[in-house]
Protein backbone atom coordinates (compact mmCIF):
# COMPACT_ATOMS: atom_id res chain seq x y z
CA MET A 1 -6.48 20.41 3.07
CA ASP A 2 -9.24 21.93 0.97
CA ARG A 3 -9.63 19.35 -1.63
CA ARG A 4 -12.91 17.44 -2.28
CA ILE A 5 -12.93 13.85 -1.31
CA ARG A 6 -14.19 12.95 -4.81
CA ASN A 7 -11.00 14.39 -6.23
CA LEU A 8 -8.68 11.67 -4.63
CA THR A 9 -7.02 9.68 -7.32
CA TYR A 10 -7.48 6.05 -7.54
CA ASP A 11 -3.89 5.50 -6.37
CA GLU A 12 -4.54 7.60 -3.43
CA LEU A 13 -7.84 5.82 -2.46
CA LYS A 14 -6.04 2.50 -2.84
CA SER A 15 -3.29 3.46 -0.53
CA ILE A 16 -5.93 4.84 1.97
CA VAL A 17 -8.08 1.85 2.03
CA LYS A 18 -5.02 -0.37 2.68
CA THR A 19 -4.42 1.46 6.02
CA PHE A 20 -7.76 0.39 7.57
CA ASP A 21 -8.29 -2.72 9.52
CA TRP A 22 -10.98 -4.66 7.52
CA SER A 23 -12.62 -7.99 7.89
CA ASN A 24 -11.51 -10.74 5.84
CA GLN A 25 -14.73 -10.50 3.83
CA ALA A 26 -14.13 -6.83 3.17
CA ILE A 27 -10.56 -7.39 2.27
CA LYS A 28 -11.77 -9.83 -0.44
CA LYS A 29 -14.14 -7.32 -1.80
CA ILE A 30 -11.51 -4.65 -1.84
CA LYS A 31 -8.80 -7.03 -3.62
CA LEU A 32 -11.63 -7.87 -6.21
CA ALA A 33 -12.22 -4.32 -6.76
CA ILE A 34 -8.54 -3.58 -7.15
CA ASN A 35 -8.12 -6.18 -9.57
CA ALA A 36 -11.20 -4.98 -11.69
CA CYS A 37 -10.27 -1.25 -11.47
CA ASP A 38 -6.71 -1.94 -12.54
CA ASN A 39 -8.08 -3.09 -15.88
CA ILE A 40 -10.16 -0.03 -16.36
CA VAL A 41 -8.60 2.58 -18.64
CA LEU A 42 -10.46 5.90 -17.62
CA GLU A 43 -9.47 7.29 -13.95
CA LYS A 44 -12.99 8.56 -13.30
CA ASP A 45 -14.32 5.12 -14.05
CA LYS A 46 -11.66 3.56 -11.71
CA ARG A 47 -12.58 5.87 -8.97
CA PHE A 48 -16.31 5.39 -9.50
CA ARG A 49 -15.91 1.49 -9.32
CA PHE A 50 -13.74 1.64 -6.25
CA TRP A 51 -15.90 4.04 -4.52
CA GLN A 52 -18.71 1.50 -4.90
CA THR A 53 -16.70 -0.98 -3.06
CA ILE A 54 -15.48 1.48 -0.27
CA TYR A 55 -19.26 2.40 0.41
CA ALA A 56 -20.16 -1.32 0.46
CA VAL A 57 -17.49 -2.41 2.91
CA LEU A 58 -17.94 0.74 5.21
CA TRP A 59 -21.36 -0.76 6.27
CA GLU A 60 -19.32 -3.01 8.66
CA ASN A 61 -17.84 0.33 10.52
CA ASN A 62 -20.20 1.30 13.00
CA GLU A 63 -18.45 4.85 13.33
CA ALA A 64 -18.73 5.35 9.53
CA VAL A 65 -22.50 4.34 9.59
CA ASP A 66 -23.37 6.54 12.54
CA MET A 67 -21.30 9.49 11.23
CA GLY A 68 -22.40 9.01 7.60
CA PHE A 69 -20.04 7.76 4.93
CA LYS A 70 -19.39 11.02 3.40
CA ALA A 71 -18.47 12.83 6.63
CA TYR A 72 -16.41 9.62 7.76
CA THR A 73 -14.43 9.46 4.52
CA LYS A 74 -13.76 13.20 4.47
CA LYS A 75 -12.39 13.15 8.13
CA TYR A 76 -10.47 9.87 8.04
CA PHE A 77 -9.42 9.49 4.43
CA TYR A 78 -7.55 12.89 4.35
CA GLU A 79 -5.90 12.16 7.78
CA ARG A 80 -4.51 8.83 6.27
CA LEU A 81 -3.59 10.46 3.12
CA GLU A 82 -1.47 13.02 4.87
CA ALA A 83 0.10 10.27 7.05
CA ILE A 84 1.01 8.25 4.01
CA GLN A 85 2.42 11.37 2.18
CA TYR A 86 4.46 12.13 5.21
CA HIS A 87 5.59 8.69 5.46
CA ASN A 88 6.62 8.45 1.81
CA LYS A 89 8.80 11.49 2.29
CA ASN A 90 10.37 10.78 5.46
CA CYS A 91 10.63 6.94 6.02
CA ASN A 92 14.23 5.88 6.10
CA SER A 93 13.81 2.29 7.36
CA TYR A 94 11.21 -0.51 7.27
CA CYS A 95 8.54 0.51 9.63
CA LYS A 96 4.87 -0.42 10.62
CA VAL A 97 3.47 1.53 7.71
CA CYS A 98 5.81 -0.08 5.28
CA GLU A 99 4.72 -3.38 6.90
CA ILE A 100 1.06 -2.60 6.24
CA LEU A 101 1.50 -1.61 2.64
CA ASP A 102 3.85 -4.52 1.80
CA ARG A 103 1.41 -6.86 3.22
CA TRP A 104 -1.36 -5.76 0.91
CA ASN A 105 0.90 -5.54 -2.16
CA ASN A 106 2.13 -9.12 -1.49
CA GLU A 107 -1.38 -10.50 -0.92
CA ARG A 108 -2.56 -8.56 -4.14
CA LYS A 109 0.27 -10.12 -6.18
CA GLU A 110 -0.70 -13.63 -5.07
CA SER A 111 -4.27 -13.09 -5.87
CA ARG A 112 -3.57 -11.66 -9.25
CA ILE A 113 -1.34 -14.76 -10.19
CA TYR A 114 -4.18 -17.17 -9.17
CA ARG A 115 -6.56 -15.12 -11.32
CA GLU A 116 -4.18 -15.35 -14.36
CA CYS A 117 -3.87 -19.12 -13.84
CA VAL A 118 -7.55 -19.74 -13.78
CA VAL A 119 -8.14 -17.69 -16.81
CA VAL A 120 -5.48 -19.64 -18.76
């Protein structure tokens, strides 16, 4: 794949980030970023905001720190994106990837409901 890492769409970034095993603190930061980014209109602003969070949570990953964030994301983000795209085209039943993505989607919906109740 010859695309630049910065050209990943916001939706692609969200899907990729959900496949990593993050700490509870990182998950909270990512969920807050997703909630914030979902309310931003421009795609480039969503990507910029989300990348800031990605770089912040990557500090807990020793391999990413040692390798460098740009090299790490270029290597592993495209691998995971290709796996997600393959899964989306070929998954015929509920599998481990479906389980991981559903867990994030369900948890995110719960946090959004809570956020909306607090605002009202």
